[in-house]
């Protein structure tokens, strides 16, 4: 395990990725990677090690956010991943919780809620 925790964003809306990156970077965080579909994110998570805070959209092409959380949380290294699931669908919250999402943000939300969630994830992963 390394001392560095990666921050990753996965969303199929480029404008939202840019918005998240700008807001997070302005708070002193460094974004390690971004992805525009769930399959690319899943492949990355399955092939890499290390602690990661992952901000992911619920609805993405090729693999949705809840499916990703569910699959990765079954993995042995699940403790190294902190999932912040973003959704506009209030009815998906219970399913996201059951899948193992660490935090769920319902759109629209204020950016300080995202940075608070990132701080929570970083704190937990560094214990």
N, C-alpha and C. Protein backbone atom coordinates (compact mmCIF):
# COMPACT_ATOMS: atom_id res chain seq x y z
N UNK A 1 0.86 -1.19 0.00
CA UNK A 1 0.00 0.00 0.00
C UNK A 1 0.90 1.24 0.00
N UNK A 2 0.55 2.20 -0.81
CA UNK A 2 1.33 3.42 -0.88
C UNK A 2 0.76 4.48 0.04
N UNK A 3 1.52 5.55 0.25
CA UNK A 3 1.05 6.65 1.08
C UNK A 3 0.17 7.62 0.32
N UNK A 4 0.09 7.45 -0.99
CA UNK A 4 -0.66 8.38 -1.83
C UNK A 4 -2.03 7.77 -2.15
N UNK A 5 -3.05 8.58 -2.02
CA UNK A 5 -4.39 8.16 -2.39
C UNK A 5 -4.77 8.86 -3.68
N UNK A 6 -5.19 8.08 -4.67
CA UNK A 6 -5.61 8.64 -5.95
C UNK A 6 -7.05 9.15 -5.85
N UNK A 7 -7.34 10.21 -6.58
CA UNK A 7 -8.71 10.70 -6.73
C UNK A 7 -9.07 10.53 -8.19
N UNK A 8 -10.15 9.79 -8.42
CA UNK A 8 -10.56 9.43 -9.77
C UNK A 8 -12.00 9.89 -9.99
N UNK A 9 -12.27 10.39 -11.19
CA UNK A 9 -13.63 10.81 -11.55
C UNK A 9 -14.08 10.02 -12.77
N UNK A 10 -15.30 9.50 -12.70
CA UNK A 10 -15.89 8.80 -13.85
C UNK A 10 -17.29 9.35 -14.08
N UNK A 11 -17.47 10.00 -15.22
CA UNK A 11 -18.77 10.55 -15.61
C UNK A 11 -18.77 10.71 -17.12
N UNK A 12 -19.88 10.39 -17.75
CA UNK A 12 -19.96 10.47 -19.21
C UNK A 12 -20.27 11.88 -19.71
N UNK A 13 -20.47 12.82 -18.81
CA UNK A 13 -20.73 14.21 -19.19
C UNK A 13 -19.44 15.03 -19.03
N UNK A 14 -18.76 15.36 -20.14
CA UNK A 14 -17.50 16.10 -20.05
C UNK A 14 -17.61 17.41 -19.27
N UNK A 15 -18.74 18.11 -19.39
CA UNK A 15 -18.89 19.37 -18.65
C UNK A 15 -18.89 19.14 -17.14
N UNK A 16 -19.51 18.05 -16.70
CA UNK A 16 -19.51 17.73 -15.27
C UNK A 16 -18.12 17.32 -14.81
N UNK A 17 -17.40 16.56 -15.62
CA UNK A 17 -16.03 16.18 -15.27
C UNK A 17 -15.20 17.45 -15.09
N UNK A 18 -15.31 18.39 -16.02
CA UNK A 18 -14.57 19.65 -15.92
C UNK A 18 -14.97 20.42 -14.67
N UNK A 19 -16.26 20.48 -14.39
CA UNK A 19 -16.75 21.18 -13.20
C UNK A 19 -16.19 20.55 -11.93
N UNK A 20 -16.27 19.22 -11.83
CA UNK A 20 -15.72 18.52 -10.66
C UNK A 20 -14.23 18.76 -10.53
N UNK A 21 -13.51 18.64 -11.64
CA UNK A 21 -12.05 18.84 -11.62
C UNK A 21 -11.69 20.24 -11.14
N UNK A 22 -12.37 21.24 -11.68
CA UNK A 22 -12.10 22.63 -11.27
C UNK A 22 -12.38 22.84 -9.79
N UNK A 23 -13.53 22.36 -9.33
CA UNK A 23 -13.91 22.55 -7.93
C UNK A 23 -12.96 21.82 -6.99
N UNK A 24 -12.62 20.60 -7.34
CA UNK A 24 -11.74 19.79 -6.48
C UNK A 24 -10.33 20.35 -6.49
N UNK A 25 -9.82 20.70 -7.66
CA UNK A 25 -8.47 21.27 -7.77
C UNK A 25 -8.35 22.57 -7.01
N UNK A 26 -9.41 23.39 -7.02
CA UNK A 26 -9.36 24.67 -6.31
C UNK A 26 -9.25 24.48 -4.80
N UNK A 27 -9.55 23.28 -4.32
CA UNK A 27 -9.44 22.97 -2.89
C UNK A 27 -8.11 22.29 -2.57
N UNK A 28 -7.22 22.22 -3.56
CA UNK A 28 -5.89 21.66 -3.34
C UNK A 28 -5.75 20.18 -3.62
N UNK A 29 -6.78 19.55 -4.14
CA UNK A 29 -6.71 18.13 -4.47
C UNK A 29 -6.17 17.95 -5.88
N UNK A 30 -5.55 16.81 -6.11
CA UNK A 30 -5.06 16.47 -7.45
C UNK A 30 -5.85 15.30 -7.99
N UNK A 31 -6.44 15.47 -9.17
CA UNK A 31 -7.19 14.41 -9.83
C UNK A 31 -6.19 13.53 -10.57
N UNK A 32 -6.20 12.24 -10.28
CA UNK A 32 -5.26 11.31 -10.89
C UNK A 32 -5.69 10.89 -12.29
N UNK A 33 -6.98 10.54 -12.43
CA UNK A 33 -7.50 10.05 -13.72
C UNK A 33 -8.96 10.43 -13.85
N UNK A 34 -9.42 10.50 -15.09
CA UNK A 34 -10.84 10.65 -15.37
C UNK A 34 -11.23 9.60 -16.42
N UNK A 35 -12.49 9.18 -16.35
CA UNK A 35 -13.02 8.20 -17.29
C UNK A 35 -14.39 8.66 -17.74
N UNK A 36 -14.76 8.31 -18.99
CA UNK A 36 -16.06 8.71 -19.52
C UNK A 36 -17.03 7.56 -19.67
N UNK A 37 -16.61 6.35 -19.27
CA UNK A 37 -17.57 5.24 -19.26
C UNK A 37 -17.19 4.25 -18.17
N UNK A 38 -18.16 3.47 -17.78
CA UNK A 38 -17.97 2.55 -16.68
C UNK A 38 -17.02 1.41 -16.97
N UNK A 39 -16.99 0.94 -18.19
CA UNK A 39 -16.10 -0.18 -18.52
C UNK A 39 -14.63 0.21 -18.35
N UNK A 40 -14.26 1.40 -18.83
CA UNK A 40 -12.86 1.85 -18.67
C UNK A 40 -12.50 1.97 -17.20
N UNK A 41 -13.41 2.52 -16.40
CA UNK A 41 -13.15 2.63 -14.97
C UNK A 41 -13.00 1.25 -14.35
N UNK A 42 -13.90 0.34 -14.66
CA UNK A 42 -13.84 -1.01 -14.10
C UNK A 42 -12.53 -1.68 -14.44
N UNK A 43 -12.12 -1.61 -15.71
CA UNK A 43 -10.85 -2.22 -16.12
C UNK A 43 -9.68 -1.62 -15.35
N UNK A 44 -9.70 -0.31 -15.16
CA UNK A 44 -8.63 0.36 -14.41
C UNK A 44 -8.60 -0.12 -12.96
N UNK A 45 -9.76 -0.16 -12.32
CA UNK A 45 -9.82 -0.56 -10.92
C UNK A 45 -9.39 -2.01 -10.72
N UNK A 46 -9.73 -2.87 -11.67
CA UNK A 46 -9.38 -4.28 -11.55
C UNK A 46 -7.90 -4.54 -11.83
N UNK A 47 -7.23 -3.61 -12.50
CA UNK A 47 -5.84 -3.85 -12.89
C UNK A 47 -4.83 -3.00 -12.11
N UNK A 48 -5.28 -2.24 -11.13
CA UNK A 48 -4.36 -1.39 -10.38
C UNK A 48 -4.52 -1.63 -8.88
N UNK A 49 -3.49 -1.26 -8.16
CA UNK A 49 -3.52 -1.33 -6.70
C UNK A 49 -3.44 0.08 -6.14
N UNK A 50 -3.59 0.19 -4.84
CA UNK A 50 -3.48 1.48 -4.18
C UNK A 50 -4.82 2.02 -3.74
N UNK A 51 -4.75 2.94 -2.84
CA UNK A 51 -5.98 3.55 -2.30
C UNK A 51 -6.54 4.56 -3.28
N UNK A 52 -7.86 4.54 -3.41
CA UNK A 52 -8.51 5.42 -4.37
C UNK A 52 -9.82 5.97 -3.82
N UNK A 53 -10.01 7.28 -3.98
CA UNK A 53 -11.32 7.89 -3.79
C UNK A 53 -11.88 8.01 -5.19
N UNK A 54 -13.05 7.39 -5.40
CA UNK A 54 -13.63 7.31 -6.73
C UNK A 54 -14.97 8.03 -6.74
N UNK A 55 -15.05 9.08 -7.55
CA UNK A 55 -16.30 9.83 -7.72
C UNK A 55 -16.89 9.31 -9.03
N UNK A 56 -18.06 8.67 -8.95
CA UNK A 56 -18.60 8.09 -10.17
C UNK A 56 -20.09 8.36 -10.30
N UNK A 57 -20.47 8.54 -11.54
CA UNK A 57 -21.87 8.78 -11.87
C UNK A 57 -22.63 7.47 -11.83
N UNK A 58 -23.88 7.56 -11.44
CA UNK A 58 -24.75 6.38 -11.40
C UNK A 58 -24.98 5.84 -12.81
N UNK A 59 -25.37 6.71 -13.74
CA UNK A 59 -25.70 6.27 -15.10
C UNK A 59 -24.59 6.64 -16.07
N UNK A 60 -23.85 5.62 -16.50
CA UNK A 60 -22.78 5.79 -17.48
C UNK A 60 -22.91 4.70 -18.53
N UNK A 61 -22.39 4.96 -19.73
CA UNK A 61 -22.41 3.93 -20.77
C UNK A 61 -21.52 2.74 -20.40
N UNK A 62 -21.87 1.58 -20.89
CA UNK A 62 -21.11 0.34 -20.83
C UNK A 62 -21.09 -0.33 -19.45
N UNK A 63 -21.25 0.40 -18.40
CA UNK A 63 -21.34 -0.18 -17.05
C UNK A 63 -21.74 0.94 -16.10
N UNK A 64 -22.84 0.75 -15.37
CA UNK A 64 -23.32 1.83 -14.50
C UNK A 64 -22.56 1.84 -13.17
N UNK A 65 -22.64 2.96 -12.48
CA UNK A 65 -21.90 3.17 -11.24
C UNK A 65 -22.23 2.18 -10.14
N UNK A 66 -23.50 1.84 -9.98
CA UNK A 66 -23.89 0.91 -8.92
C UNK A 66 -23.31 -0.48 -9.19
N UNK A 67 -23.31 -0.91 -10.44
CA UNK A 67 -22.71 -2.21 -10.78
C UNK A 67 -21.22 -2.22 -10.48
N UNK A 68 -20.55 -1.12 -10.77
CA UNK A 68 -19.12 -1.03 -10.48
C UNK A 68 -18.87 -1.15 -8.99
N UNK A 69 -19.62 -0.38 -8.20
CA UNK A 69 -19.45 -0.45 -6.74
C UNK A 69 -19.68 -1.88 -6.26
N UNK A 70 -20.76 -2.48 -6.70
CA UNK A 70 -21.10 -3.85 -6.27
C UNK A 70 -19.96 -4.83 -6.59
N UNK A 71 -19.43 -4.77 -7.81
CA UNK A 71 -18.37 -5.70 -8.22
C UNK A 71 -17.07 -5.46 -7.46
N UNK A 72 -16.68 -4.21 -7.32
CA UNK A 72 -15.41 -3.91 -6.66
C UNK A 72 -15.49 -4.20 -5.16
N UNK A 73 -16.62 -3.94 -4.55
CA UNK A 73 -16.77 -4.18 -3.10
C UNK A 73 -16.68 -5.67 -2.76
N UNK A 74 -16.89 -6.56 -3.74
CA UNK A 74 -16.73 -8.00 -3.51
C UNK A 74 -15.26 -8.40 -3.57
N UNK A 75 -14.40 -7.52 -4.07
CA UNK A 75 -12.98 -7.77 -4.24
C UNK A 75 -12.26 -7.69 -2.90
N UNK A 76 -11.17 -8.40 -2.78
CA UNK A 76 -10.38 -8.41 -1.55
C UNK A 76 -9.85 -7.02 -1.20
N UNK A 77 -9.51 -6.22 -2.19
CA UNK A 77 -8.93 -4.90 -1.95
C UNK A 77 -9.99 -3.81 -1.83
N UNK A 78 -11.22 -4.18 -1.57
CA UNK A 78 -12.31 -3.20 -1.49
C UNK A 78 -12.04 -2.14 -0.44
N UNK A 79 -11.32 -2.49 0.62
CA UNK A 79 -11.03 -1.53 1.68
C UNK A 79 -10.15 -0.38 1.19
N UNK A 80 -9.52 -0.57 0.05
CA UNK A 80 -8.66 0.47 -0.53
C UNK A 80 -9.41 1.43 -1.44
N UNK A 81 -10.73 1.27 -1.54
CA UNK A 81 -11.54 2.10 -2.43
C UNK A 81 -12.65 2.77 -1.63
N UNK A 82 -12.81 4.06 -1.85
CA UNK A 82 -13.89 4.83 -1.23
C UNK A 82 -14.73 5.39 -2.36
N UNK A 83 -15.97 4.91 -2.46
CA UNK A 83 -16.84 5.28 -3.57
C UNK A 83 -17.82 6.40 -3.19
N UNK A 84 -17.77 7.47 -3.97
CA UNK A 84 -18.74 8.57 -3.86
C UNK A 84 -19.60 8.48 -5.12
N UNK A 85 -20.81 7.98 -4.97
CA UNK A 85 -21.71 7.81 -6.10
C UNK A 85 -22.57 9.06 -6.26
N UNK A 86 -22.62 9.58 -7.48
CA UNK A 86 -23.40 10.76 -7.80
C UNK A 86 -24.60 10.32 -8.64
N UNK A 87 -25.79 10.75 -8.23
CA UNK A 87 -26.99 10.35 -8.95
C UNK A 87 -28.02 11.47 -8.95
N UNK A 88 -28.82 11.48 -9.98
CA UNK A 88 -29.95 12.40 -10.05
C UNK A 88 -31.25 11.68 -9.75
N UNK A 89 -31.15 10.39 -9.47
CA UNK A 89 -32.31 9.54 -9.27
C UNK A 89 -32.43 9.15 -7.79
N UNK A 90 -33.29 9.82 -7.07
CA UNK A 90 -33.46 9.58 -5.64
C UNK A 90 -33.85 8.12 -5.38
N UNK A 91 -34.56 7.51 -6.30
CA UNK A 91 -35.00 6.14 -6.09
C UNK A 91 -33.85 5.13 -6.16
N UNK A 92 -32.67 5.54 -6.60
CA UNK A 92 -31.53 4.63 -6.68
C UNK A 92 -30.68 4.62 -5.40
N UNK A 93 -31.00 5.47 -4.45
CA UNK A 93 -30.18 5.59 -3.24
C UNK A 93 -30.12 4.28 -2.46
N UNK A 94 -31.24 3.64 -2.24
CA UNK A 94 -31.25 2.38 -1.47
C UNK A 94 -30.41 1.31 -2.17
N UNK A 95 -30.52 1.22 -3.48
CA UNK A 95 -29.73 0.24 -4.23
C UNK A 95 -28.24 0.56 -4.13
N UNK A 96 -27.88 1.85 -4.19
CA UNK A 96 -26.48 2.26 -4.08
C UNK A 96 -25.93 1.93 -2.69
N UNK A 97 -26.73 2.16 -1.66
CA UNK A 97 -26.30 1.82 -0.30
C UNK A 97 -26.09 0.32 -0.16
N UNK A 98 -27.02 -0.46 -0.68
CA UNK A 98 -26.92 -1.93 -0.62
C UNK A 98 -25.69 -2.43 -1.37
N UNK A 99 -25.35 -1.79 -2.48
CA UNK A 99 -24.19 -2.17 -3.28
C UNK A 99 -22.88 -1.88 -2.55
N UNK A 100 -22.93 -0.92 -1.61
CA UNK A 100 -21.73 -0.60 -0.84
C UNK A 100 -21.13 0.78 -1.08
N UNK A 101 -21.87 1.67 -1.74
CA UNK A 101 -21.37 3.04 -1.94
C UNK A 101 -21.09 3.66 -0.57
N UNK A 102 -19.94 4.29 -0.44
CA UNK A 102 -19.56 4.89 0.84
C UNK A 102 -20.30 6.19 1.09
N UNK A 103 -20.53 6.96 0.03
CA UNK A 103 -21.31 8.20 0.13
C UNK A 103 -22.11 8.33 -1.16
N UNK A 104 -23.26 8.96 -1.03
CA UNK A 104 -24.13 9.19 -2.19
C UNK A 104 -24.51 10.66 -2.21
N UNK A 105 -24.24 11.31 -3.33
CA UNK A 105 -24.61 12.70 -3.51
C UNK A 105 -25.71 12.76 -4.56
N UNK A 106 -26.78 13.46 -4.22
CA UNK A 106 -27.91 13.58 -5.14
C UNK A 106 -27.84 14.92 -5.85
N UNK A 107 -27.83 14.86 -7.19
CA UNK A 107 -27.79 16.08 -8.02
C UNK A 107 -29.11 16.81 -7.91
N UNK A 108 -29.09 18.10 -7.92
CA UNK A 108 -27.91 18.97 -7.86
C UNK A 108 -27.42 19.08 -6.41
N UNK A 109 -26.12 19.24 -6.25
CA UNK A 109 -25.53 19.40 -4.93
C UNK A 109 -24.48 20.51 -5.00
N UNK A 110 -24.16 21.05 -3.86
CA UNK A 110 -23.13 22.10 -3.79
C UNK A 110 -21.75 21.46 -3.74
N UNK A 111 -20.79 22.10 -4.39
CA UNK A 111 -19.45 21.53 -4.50
C UNK A 111 -18.79 21.30 -3.14
N UNK A 112 -19.16 22.09 -2.13
CA UNK A 112 -18.55 21.85 -0.82
C UNK A 112 -18.95 20.47 -0.29
N UNK A 113 -20.09 19.94 -0.72
CA UNK A 113 -20.49 18.60 -0.30
C UNK A 113 -19.56 17.55 -0.93
N UNK A 114 -19.14 17.79 -2.16
CA UNK A 114 -18.21 16.88 -2.82
C UNK A 114 -16.84 16.92 -2.14
N UNK A 115 -16.35 18.11 -1.85
CA UNK A 115 -15.04 18.19 -1.19
C UNK A 115 -15.10 17.59 0.23
N UNK A 116 -16.22 17.74 0.90
CA UNK A 116 -16.38 17.12 2.22
C UNK A 116 -16.34 15.59 2.09
N UNK A 117 -17.02 15.06 1.07
CA UNK A 117 -17.02 13.62 0.84
C UNK A 117 -15.61 13.11 0.53
N UNK A 118 -14.87 13.87 -0.27
CA UNK A 118 -13.48 13.50 -0.59
C UNK A 118 -12.64 13.48 0.68
N UNK A 119 -12.77 14.51 1.50
CA UNK A 119 -12.03 14.55 2.76
C UNK A 119 -12.37 13.37 3.65
N UNK A 120 -13.65 13.01 3.71
CA UNK A 120 -14.07 11.83 4.49
C UNK A 120 -13.36 10.58 3.96
N UNK A 121 -13.39 10.42 2.65
CA UNK A 121 -12.75 9.25 2.04
C UNK A 121 -11.26 9.20 2.29
N UNK A 122 -10.59 10.33 2.13
CA UNK A 122 -9.15 10.37 2.37
C UNK A 122 -8.83 10.03 3.82
N UNK A 123 -9.62 10.55 4.73
CA UNK A 123 -9.42 10.28 6.16
C UNK A 123 -9.58 8.79 6.46
N UNK A 124 -10.61 8.18 5.94
CA UNK A 124 -10.86 6.76 6.17
C UNK A 124 -9.77 5.90 5.55
N UNK A 125 -9.37 6.21 4.32
CA UNK A 125 -8.36 5.40 3.64
C UNK A 125 -6.98 5.53 4.26
N UNK A 126 -6.72 6.61 4.97
CA UNK A 126 -5.40 6.80 5.57
C UNK A 126 -5.29 6.25 6.98
N UNK A 127 -6.36 5.64 7.47
CA UNK A 127 -6.32 5.04 8.82
C UNK A 127 -5.63 3.70 8.78
